[in-house]
Amino acid sequence: MNPHIYNTYVAILKQELVVAVGCTEPIALAYAGAKARQVLGVMPTGCTVLCSGNIVKNVKGVTVPNSGGMKGIDVAVTLGIVGGDADQELAVLENVTDEDINTTRALLSRQFCQCQLIHNVEKLKIVLRVSAGDSYAEIEVKDYHSNISRIEKNGVILYSQEQAEANLISGAPNKSLLNVRDILDFARQLDIADVKEVLQRQIDYNTAISREGLERPYGAEVGRVLQRDFGGTDSPKLRAKAAAAAGSDARMSGCPLPVVINSGSGNQGITATLPVVEYAKTLNAEQDQLYRALALSNLISIHQKKYIGSLSAYCGAVSAACGSGAAICYMMGGDYDEICDTITNTLANIGGMVCDGAKPSCAAKIASAVEAAVMAVHLSRNKKVFQPGEGLVKSNVEDTIASIGRMGREGMKATDIEILSIMLED
């Protein structure tokens, strides 16, 4: 395999598979709040936050972790300011105390934080300003959840997007090199030591939050209901659906356990991981084989999301489940063509699932996406695949992925706007 492509894929996995505590949109707000207080140097007396529509959409329905069960933009920002540790980035709320929660409640009662929607900007954008006396600090986050693109204090730009582009983005791994054939070659030739740490952390963290969701009542308890009412633990498909759904059950309802994300999303990280882990048990896959399958799953998911972006009206569980399906097919001995057919079959089936915000029902969407991906595996293993010209299916898998990406990125823009408008009517 080309060494440059190999090293790029290793770098992509290390960049993408990072730890987050809680849903990444409220966590991005908390991170911005914690960073703003750090820059200001004192506890602010007030705060204003401006958010893009997709931030609003994905914060409205989820419980902020370590908040005592509270929801909302103002909660995430205020808790980040009061008790967040900016140095931990997406794990910013990991060490929040009861005293921090009580202080946050008191500030919220005094309308400490003012929130506004901003239109016609990037899908992921936050501008947060804190003030104390005559001093202020302003933080801008855009494009992805931990990307602080501007820091300003008292009229002085301390950090700018131009610096970010020079110092970070230009050094980021080139995702345009991702393609299914090279991803499969990478998985087969992978030196496990190169990514073992990040993949084992993904297994450990995402399995732990799934177990939490299966053992305790969170949200609609999708994972628990699936496990109890649809066949127990005998079926690997059932286990895959229940395990992934349970992780989301817990995460969307405030469980403070950390997860390892994919494409900026904990739900996508969970969905790219747990079905693969569950099928590895049934298939008696060796640990190295599981690592290779997880590398494949994660990269296939990231490959699809590079066309769509971090936030859109397109449900990211589809991309992640598609990655899981490809990895399950690989562990079953599927070749390149069967893996491509698994991807095509998944996308042809549920490629239009909409994202109507982060909330407990994400667990059900994840279960549906995993169901579709497993069916796609069995279709491909039986030499059945949807054909070019049927919907958005093209003559090869790369063009199919690109066509679905175009639909999610461009075609669903109006859908995204309308979803937000409907959600804000309440």
Protein backbone atom coordinates (compact mmCIF):
# COMPACT_ATOMS: atom_id res chain seq x y z
CA MET A 1 0.00 0.00 0.00
CA ASN A 2 1.18 3.53 -0.76
CA PRO A 3 2.95 4.71 2.45
CA HIS A 4 1.52 8.23 2.14
CA ILE A 5 -2.06 6.90 2.00
CA TYR A 6 -1.35 4.51 4.88
CA ASN A 7 0.06 7.26 7.09
CA THR A 8 -2.82 9.57 6.17
CA TYR A 9 -5.37 6.98 7.23
CA VAL A 10 -3.59 6.45 10.55
CA ALA A 11 -3.61 10.22 11.09
CA ILE A 12 -7.32 10.45 10.24
CA LEU A 13 -8.18 7.82 12.83
CA LYS A 14 -6.10 9.55 15.48
CA GLN A 15 -7.63 12.94 14.66
CA GLU A 16 -11.24 11.74 14.52
CA LEU A 17 -11.46 9.16 17.31
CA VAL A 18 -11.28 11.52 20.27
CA VAL A 19 -13.07 11.50 23.60
CA ALA A 20 -16.21 13.52 24.34
CA VAL A 21 -18.50 13.64 27.35
CA GLY A 22 -22.12 14.16 26.35
CA CYS A 23 -23.71 15.21 23.07
CA THR A 24 -21.10 17.15 21.13
CA GLU A 25 -23.21 20.25 20.37
CA PRO A 26 -23.90 21.20 24.03
CA ILE A 27 -20.33 20.19 24.78
CA ALA A 28 -19.05 22.57 22.09
CA LEU A 29 -21.03 25.35 23.80
CA ALA A 30 -19.63 24.40 27.20
CA TYR A 31 -16.13 24.33 25.76
CA ALA A 32 -16.59 27.81 24.28
CA GLY A 33 -17.90 29.04 27.64
CA ALA A 34 -15.00 27.55 29.59
CA LYS A 35 -12.49 28.97 27.12
CA ALA A 36 -14.09 32.42 27.27
CA ARG A 37 -13.85 32.52 31.04
CA GLN A 38 -10.24 31.32 30.83
CA VAL A 39 -9.39 34.16 28.43
CA LEU A 40 -11.30 36.76 30.46
CA GLY A 41 -9.43 35.69 33.58
CA VAL A 42 -12.30 36.25 36.04
CA MET A 43 -15.83 34.99 36.55
CA PRO A 44 -18.00 36.95 34.09
CA THR A 45 -21.11 38.84 35.13
CA GLY A 46 -22.94 38.13 31.89
CA CYS A 47 -22.81 36.15 28.67
CA THR A 48 -24.26 36.31 25.17
CA VAL A 49 -24.12 33.39 22.75
CA LEU A 50 -25.05 33.33 19.07
CA CYS A 51 -25.62 29.91 17.49
CA SER A 52 -26.21 28.52 14.02
CA GLY A 53 -29.42 26.62 13.42
CA ASN A 54 -27.87 23.16 13.64
CA ILE A 55 -26.41 23.95 17.05
CA VAL A 56 -29.86 25.00 18.25
CA LYS A 57 -31.41 21.88 16.72
CA ASN A 58 -28.96 19.51 18.37
CA VAL A 59 -29.04 21.09 21.83
CA LYS A 60 -32.77 21.58 22.28
CA GLY A 61 -33.69 18.00 23.18
CA VAL A 62 -30.69 16.53 25.01
CA THR A 63 -29.67 16.57 28.65
CA VAL A 64 -26.39 18.35 29.34
CA PRO A 65 -24.08 15.86 31.12
CA ASN A 66 -23.20 16.51 34.76
CA SER A 67 -25.90 19.19 34.91
CA GLY A 68 -28.35 17.52 37.25
CA GLY A 69 -30.73 16.76 34.39
CA MET A 70 -30.97 20.22 32.82
CA LYS A 71 -31.33 20.96 29.11
CA GLY A 72 -30.68 24.00 26.93
CA ILE A 73 -28.12 26.27 25.32
CA ASP A 74 -27.97 28.53 28.35
CA VAL A 75 -27.39 25.52 30.61
CA ALA A 76 -24.49 24.19 28.51
CA VAL A 77 -22.82 27.59 28.25
CA THR A 78 -23.28 28.57 31.88
CA LEU A 79 -22.14 25.21 33.24
CA GLY A 80 -19.07 25.41 31.00
CA ILE A 81 -18.27 28.88 32.34
CA VAL A 82 -18.81 27.90 35.96
CA GLY A 83 -17.29 24.43 36.16
CA GLY A 84 -15.75 23.57 32.81
CA ASP A 85 -12.11 22.82 32.15
CA ALA A 86 -11.22 24.27 28.75
CA ASP A 87 -8.00 22.29 28.63
CA GLN A 88 -10.04 19.07 28.34
CA GLU A 89 -11.81 20.31 25.19
CA LEU A 90 -14.73 17.95 24.46
CA ALA A 91 -14.41 16.41 27.93
CA VAL A 92 -14.85 19.91 29.35
CA LEU A 93 -17.64 18.96 31.83
CA GLU A 94 -16.04 15.80 33.16
CA ASN A 95 -15.12 17.26 36.58
CA VAL A 96 -18.18 19.42 37.29
CA THR A 97 -19.18 19.42 40.99
CA ASP A 98 -22.52 19.71 42.77
CA GLU A 99 -21.51 23.22 43.81
CA ASP A 100 -20.98 24.11 40.13
CA ILE A 101 -24.47 22.82 39.31
CA ASN A 102 -26.02 24.87 42.11
CA THR A 103 -24.17 27.98 40.97
CA THR A 104 -25.34 27.37 37.41
CA ARG A 105 -28.96 27.09 38.54
CA ALA A 106 -28.68 30.38 40.43
CA LEU A 107 -27.17 32.15 37.41
CA LEU A 108 -29.84 30.75 35.10
CA SER A 109 -32.55 32.13 37.38
CA ARG A 110 -31.00 35.59 36.89
CA GLN A 111 -30.86 35.17 33.08
CA PHE A 112 -27.08 35.26 33.13
CA CYS A 113 -26.86 33.91 29.56
CA GLN A 114 -28.69 35.39 26.56
CA CYS A 115 -29.05 33.17 23.46
CA GLN A 116 -29.69 34.16 19.86
CA LEU A 117 -30.05 32.29 16.55
CA ILE A 118 -27.87 33.49 13.68
CA HIS A 119 -28.85 32.88 10.06
CA ASN A 120 -26.91 32.33 6.83
CA VAL A 121 -23.70 31.09 8.43
CA GLU A 122 -21.82 27.83 8.60
CA LYS A 123 -23.89 24.89 9.84
CA LEU A 124 -21.68 24.71 12.91
CA LYS A 125 -20.95 28.12 14.35
CA ILE A 126 -20.89 29.58 17.86
CA VAL A 127 -19.97 33.14 18.85
CA LEU A 128 -19.82 33.54 22.63
CA ARG A 129 -19.02 36.73 24.54
CA VAL A 130 -18.52 37.04 28.29
CA SER A 131 -18.01 40.28 30.18
CA ALA A 132 -17.05 41.60 33.59
CA GLY A 133 -16.95 45.33 34.18
CA ASP A 134 -15.26 46.98 31.21
CA SER A 135 -13.56 43.78 30.05
CA TYR A 136 -14.86 41.16 27.64
CA ALA A 137 -13.67 38.02 25.88
CA GLU A 138 -15.18 36.55 22.73
CA ILE A 139 -14.77 33.03 21.37
CA GLU A 140 -15.80 31.82 17.92
CA VAL A 141 -16.16 28.10 17.13
CA LYS A 142 -16.94 26.91 13.61
CA ASP A 143 -16.78 23.96 11.20
CA TYR A 144 -16.15 21.32 13.88
CA HIS A 145 -16.90 21.13 17.56
CA SER A 146 -13.48 21.77 19.08
CA ASN A 147 -12.25 24.25 16.45
CA ILE A 148 -11.84 27.62 18.11
CA SER A 149 -11.42 29.86 15.08
CA ARG A 150 -11.13 33.24 16.82
CA ILE A 151 -10.24 34.52 20.29
CA GLU A 152 -10.70 38.20 21.08
CA LYS A 153 -10.17 40.14 24.30
CA ASN A 154 -10.94 43.81 24.80
CA GLY A 155 -10.71 44.56 21.08
CA VAL A 156 -7.49 42.62 20.50
CA ILE A 157 -7.51 39.49 18.30
CA LEU A 158 -5.46 36.93 20.19
CA TYR A 159 -6.07 34.13 17.70
CA SER A 160 -7.66 34.07 14.24
CA GLN A 161 -8.91 31.60 11.66
CA GLU A 162 -5.98 32.55 9.44
CA GLN A 163 -3.66 31.30 12.16
CA ALA A 164 -5.79 28.17 12.53
CA GLU A 165 -5.54 27.49 8.82
CA ALA A 166 -1.79 27.99 8.86
CA ASN A 167 -1.13 26.05 12.04
CA LEU A 168 -3.80 23.36 12.09
CA ILE A 169 -5.92 22.86 9.01
CA SER A 170 -3.02 22.78 6.56
CA GLY A 171 -1.50 20.05 8.70
CA ALA A 172 -4.69 18.03 8.95
CA PRO A 173 -4.80 14.68 7.16
CA ASN A 174 -6.22 14.83 3.63
CA LYS A 175 -9.61 13.10 3.68
CA SER A 176 -9.88 13.34 -0.10
CA LEU A 177 -7.55 10.31 -0.17
CA LEU A 178 -10.27 8.15 1.36
CA ASN A 179 -11.81 5.54 -0.93
CA VAL A 180 -13.27 2.09 -0.27
CA ARG A 181 -10.55 0.07 -2.02
CA ASP A 182 -7.71 1.76 -0.17
CA ILE A 183 -9.62 1.60 3.13
CA LEU A 184 -9.98 -2.16 2.71
CA ASP A 185 -6.31 -2.51 1.81
CA PHE A 186 -5.42 -0.42 4.85
CA ALA A 187 -7.48 -2.66 7.15
CA ARG A 188 -5.83 -5.78 5.74
CA GLN A 189 -2.27 -4.41 5.95
CA LEU A 190 -2.65 -2.41 9.16
CA ASP A 191 0.13 -2.60 11.72
CA ILE A 192 -2.16 -2.83 14.73
CA ALA A 193 0.33 -1.03 16.95
CA ASP A 194 -0.22 2.15 14.92
CA VAL A 195 -3.84 2.54 16.04
CA LYS A 196 -4.32 0.05 18.87
CA GLU A 197 -4.52 2.72 21.57
CA VAL A 198 -7.28 4.76 19.89
CA LEU A 199 -9.29 1.70 18.81
CA GLN A 200 -9.08 -0.02 22.20
CA ARG A 201 -10.17 3.21 23.88
CA GLN A 202 -13.12 3.33 21.48
CA ILE A 203 -14.07 -0.24 22.36
CA ASP A 204 -13.71 0.34 26.12
CA TYR A 205 -15.53 3.68 26.36
CA ASN A 206 -18.34 2.95 23.93
CA THR A 207 -18.95 -0.51 25.39
CA ALA A 208 -19.11 1.00 28.89
CA ILE A 209 -21.79 3.57 28.00
CA SER A 210 -23.74 0.89 26.12
CA ARG A 211 -23.66 -1.34 29.19
CA GLU A 212 -24.87 1.60 31.27
CA GLY A 213 -27.78 2.12 28.88
CA LEU A 214 -28.71 -1.57 29.03
CA GLU A 215 -28.53 -1.75 32.82
CA ARG A 216 -30.30 1.50 33.76
CA PRO A 217 -33.33 3.43 32.47
CA TYR A 218 -32.37 6.29 30.17
CA GLY A 219 -34.63 8.06 27.69
CA ALA A 220 -37.09 5.76 25.93
CA GLU A 221 -34.93 2.74 26.83
CA VAL A 222 -34.76 1.63 23.20
CA GLY A 223 -31.85 -0.73 23.79
CA ARG A 224 -33.41 -2.29 26.88
CA VAL A 225 -36.75 -2.85 25.13
CA LEU A 226 -35.06 -4.43 22.11
CA GLN A 227 -33.07 -6.76 24.32
CA ARG A 228 -36.05 -7.70 26.48
CA ASP A 229 -38.80 -8.07 23.87
CA PHE A 230 -37.04 -9.26 20.71
CA GLY A 231 -35.09 -12.37 21.52
CA GLY A 232 -32.68 -11.72 24.36
CA THR A 233 -28.99 -12.11 23.50
CA ASP A 234 -29.05 -15.07 21.11
CA SER A 235 -29.19 -13.04 17.90
CA PRO A 236 -26.08 -11.04 16.93
CA LYS A 237 -28.27 -8.64 14.94
CA LEU A 238 -30.45 -8.03 17.98
CA ARG A 239 -27.40 -7.51 20.19
CA ALA A 240 -25.87 -5.13 17.67
CA LYS A 241 -29.04 -3.02 17.52
CA ALA A 242 -29.64 -3.06 21.27
CA ALA A 243 -26.03 -2.29 22.19
CA ALA A 244 -25.79 0.68 19.84
CA ALA A 245 -29.21 2.01 20.79
CA ALA A 246 -28.48 1.67 24.51
CA GLY A 247 -25.31 3.74 24.20
CA SER A 248 -27.37 6.49 22.63
CA ASP A 249 -30.15 6.08 25.20
CA ALA A 250 -27.65 6.87 27.94
CA ARG A 251 -25.77 9.58 26.09
CA MET A 252 -28.82 11.56 24.94
CA SER A 253 -30.24 11.55 28.45
CA GLY A 254 -27.29 12.98 30.32
CA CYS A 255 -25.06 10.02 31.17
CA PRO A 256 -21.65 11.54 32.00
CA LEU A 257 -19.62 8.56 30.77
CA PRO A 258 -17.18 9.48 27.98
CA VAL A 259 -17.48 8.18 24.43
CA VAL A 260 -15.07 8.04 21.51
CA ILE A 261 -16.63 9.95 18.63
CA ASN A 262 -16.60 9.61 14.85
CA SER A 263 -17.05 12.58 12.51
CA GLY A 264 -17.64 14.85 15.49
CA SER A 265 -20.49 12.73 16.88
CA GLY A 266 -20.71 10.40 19.84
CA ASN A 267 -23.77 8.67 18.42
CA GLN A 268 -21.85 8.00 15.22
CA GLY A 269 -18.88 6.74 17.22
CA ILE A 270 -21.15 4.36 19.12
CA THR A 271 -22.84 3.14 15.92
CA ALA A 272 -19.53 2.58 14.14
CA THR A 273 -18.25 0.53 17.10
CA LEU A 274 -20.79 -1.60 18.92
CA PRO A 275 -22.36 -3.61 16.07
CA VAL A 276 -18.84 -4.61 15.03
CA VAL A 277 -17.94 -5.61 18.58
CA GLU A 278 -21.09 -7.71 18.94
CA TYR A 279 -20.63 -9.53 15.62
CA ALA A 280 -16.98 -10.18 16.46
CA LYS A 281 -18.18 -12.22 19.46
CA THR A 282 -20.47 -14.40 17.33
CA LEU A 283 -17.89 -14.82 14.58
CA ASN A 284 -15.16 -15.65 17.13
CA ALA A 285 -12.97 -12.99 15.56
CA GLU A 286 -9.52 -12.62 17.03
CA GLN A 287 -8.69 -9.28 18.66
CA ASP A 288 -6.48 -8.18 15.76
CA GLN A 289 -9.33 -8.94 13.34
CA LEU A 290 -11.66 -6.78 15.44
CA TYR A 291 -9.17 -3.91 15.33
CA ARG A 292 -8.94 -4.20 11.53
CA ALA A 293 -12.73 -4.28 11.22
CA LEU A 294 -13.10 -1.21 13.44
CA ALA A 295 -10.51 0.69 11.40
CA LEU A 296 -12.58 -0.18 8.31
CA SER A 297 -15.86 0.82 9.97
CA ASN A 298 -14.57 4.17 11.17
CA LEU A 299 -12.92 5.12 7.89
CA ILE A 300 -15.94 4.12 5.78
CA SER A 301 -18.10 6.33 8.00
CA ILE A 302 -15.66 9.25 7.78
CA HIS A 303 -15.38 8.77 4.01
CA GLN A 304 -19.12 9.35 3.63
CA LYS A 305 -19.25 12.30 6.04
CA LYS A 306 -16.48 14.16 4.22
CA TYR A 307 -19.07 14.91 1.52
CA ILE A 308 -21.83 15.92 3.92
CA GLY A 309 -20.11 17.81 6.74
CA SER A 310 -20.41 17.54 10.51
CA LEU A 311 -23.98 18.85 10.74
CA SER A 312 -26.83 18.65 8.25
CA ALA A 313 -30.39 17.38 7.82
CA TYR A 314 -28.90 13.98 6.95
CA CYS A 315 -28.83 11.55 9.87
CA GLY A 316 -25.22 10.59 10.58
CA ALA A 317 -26.31 7.24 12.02
CA VAL A 318 -26.73 6.11 8.40
CA SER A 319 -23.06 6.73 7.60
CA ALA A 320 -21.89 5.09 10.81
CA ALA A 321 -24.14 2.04 10.43
CA CYS A 322 -22.96 1.72 6.85
CA GLY A 323 -19.41 1.57 8.19
CA SER A 324 -20.44 -1.10 10.69
CA GLY A 325 -22.12 -3.12 7.95
CA ALA A 326 -19.00 -2.99 5.80
CA ALA A 327 -16.90 -4.14 8.78
CA ILE A 328 -19.28 -7.00 9.60
CA CYS A 329 -19.15 -8.12 5.96
CA TYR A 330 -15.34 -8.00 6.16
CA MET A 331 -15.29 -10.17 9.29
CA MET A 332 -17.57 -12.67 7.52
CA GLY A 333 -14.96 -13.00 4.78
CA GLY A 334 -16.55 -10.59 2.33
CA ASP A 335 -14.34 -9.38 -0.50
CA TYR A 336 -14.09 -5.91 -1.99
CA ASP A 337 -17.16 -6.33 -4.19
CA GLU A 338 -19.32 -7.60 -1.34
CA ILE A 339 -18.21 -4.77 0.91
CA CYS A 340 -19.04 -2.27 -1.84
CA ASP A 341 -22.43 -3.91 -2.30
CA THR A 342 -23.08 -3.70 1.45
CA ILE A 343 -22.44 0.03 1.33
CA THR A 344 -24.65 0.45 -1.73
CA ASN A 345 -27.48 -1.62 -0.26
CA THR A 346 -27.43 0.37 2.98
CA LEU A 347 -27.41 3.76 1.30
CA ALA A 348 -30.09 2.78 -1.22
CA ASN A 349 -32.34 1.81 1.67
CA ILE A 350 -32.01 4.52 4.35
CA GLY A 351 -29.95 7.21 2.67
CA GLY A 352 -32.73 9.75 3.24
CA MET A 353 -33.19 9.50 7.01
CA VAL A 354 -33.44 13.03 8.37
CA CYS A 355 -31.76 14.53 11.41
CA ASP A 356 -34.31 16.45 13.43
CA GLY A 357 -31.95 17.23 16.27
CA ALA A 358 -30.16 15.34 19.00
CA LYS A 359 -32.62 13.76 21.43
CA PRO A 360 -33.64 10.38 22.92
CA SER A 361 -35.22 9.14 19.67
CA CYS A 362 -31.74 9.09 18.11
CA ALA A 363 -31.42 5.67 19.76
CA ALA A 364 -34.32 4.36 17.68
CA LYS A 365 -32.84 5.80 14.48
CA ILE A 366 -29.57 4.08 15.29
CA ALA A 367 -31.36 0.75 15.76
CA SER A 368 -33.12 1.21 12.41
CA ALA A 369 -29.84 2.09 10.68
CA VAL A 370 -28.09 -0.98 12.13
CA GLU A 371 -31.00 -3.18 11.03
CA ALA A 372 -30.65 -1.82 7.49
CA ALA A 373 -26.88 -2.32 7.49
CA VAL A 374 -27.13 -5.95 8.63
CA MET A 375 -29.76 -6.66 5.98
CA ALA A 376 -27.40 -5.07 3.44
CA VAL A 377 -24.64 -7.46 4.50
CA HIS A 378 -26.81 -10.51 3.93
CA LEU A 379 -28.03 -9.22 0.58
CA SER A 380 -24.47 -8.68 -0.59
CA ARG A 381 -23.35 -12.08 0.69
CA ASN A 382 -26.16 -13.55 -1.45
CA LYS A 383 -24.91 -11.57 -4.49
CA LYS A 384 -27.86 -9.18 -4.39
CA VAL A 385 -27.30 -5.45 -4.84
CA PHE A 386 -29.41 -2.51 -5.92
CA GLN A 387 -28.57 -1.43 -9.44
CA PRO A 388 -27.38 1.82 -11.06
CA GLY A 389 -30.26 4.12 -11.87
CA GLU A 390 -32.34 2.88 -8.96
CA GLY A 391 -32.69 6.08 -6.96
CA LEU A 392 -29.27 7.55 -6.18
CA VAL A 393 -27.33 4.36 -6.90
CA LYS A 394 -24.58 4.92 -9.46
CA SER A 395 -22.37 2.58 -11.47
CA ASN A 396 -19.73 2.24 -8.73
CA VAL A 397 -19.62 2.61 -4.99
CA GLU A 398 -17.58 5.82 -4.97
CA ASP A 399 -20.07 7.60 -7.19
CA THR A 400 -22.94 6.28 -5.07
CA ILE A 401 -21.31 7.62 -1.90
CA ALA A 402 -20.72 10.96 -3.63
CA SER A 403 -24.33 11.16 -4.88
CA ILE A 404 -25.70 10.47 -1.41
CA GLY A 405 -23.28 13.06 -0.03
CA ARG A 406 -24.45 15.64 -2.54
CA MET A 407 -28.06 14.96 -1.59
CA GLY A 408 -27.25 15.34 2.11
CA ARG A 409 -25.12 18.45 1.68
CA GLU A 410 -26.97 20.37 -1.04
CA GLY A 411 -30.35 18.74 -1.54
CA MET A 412 -31.33 18.77 2.12
CA LYS A 413 -30.45 22.42 2.85
CA ALA A 414 -34.08 23.49 2.57
CA THR A 415 -35.12 20.49 4.68
CA ASP A 416 -32.70 21.58 7.38
CA ILE A 417 -34.17 25.09 7.46
CA GLU A 418 -37.73 23.80 7.62
CA ILE A 419 -36.92 21.30 10.39
CA LEU A 420 -35.45 24.11 12.49
CA SER A 421 -38.44 26.36 11.82
CA ILE A 422 -40.85 23.64 12.95
CA MET A 423 -38.80 22.88 16.06
CA LEU A 424 -38.72 26.56 17.08
CA GLU A 425 -42.52 26.81 16.95
CA ASP A 426 -42.85 25.18 20.37
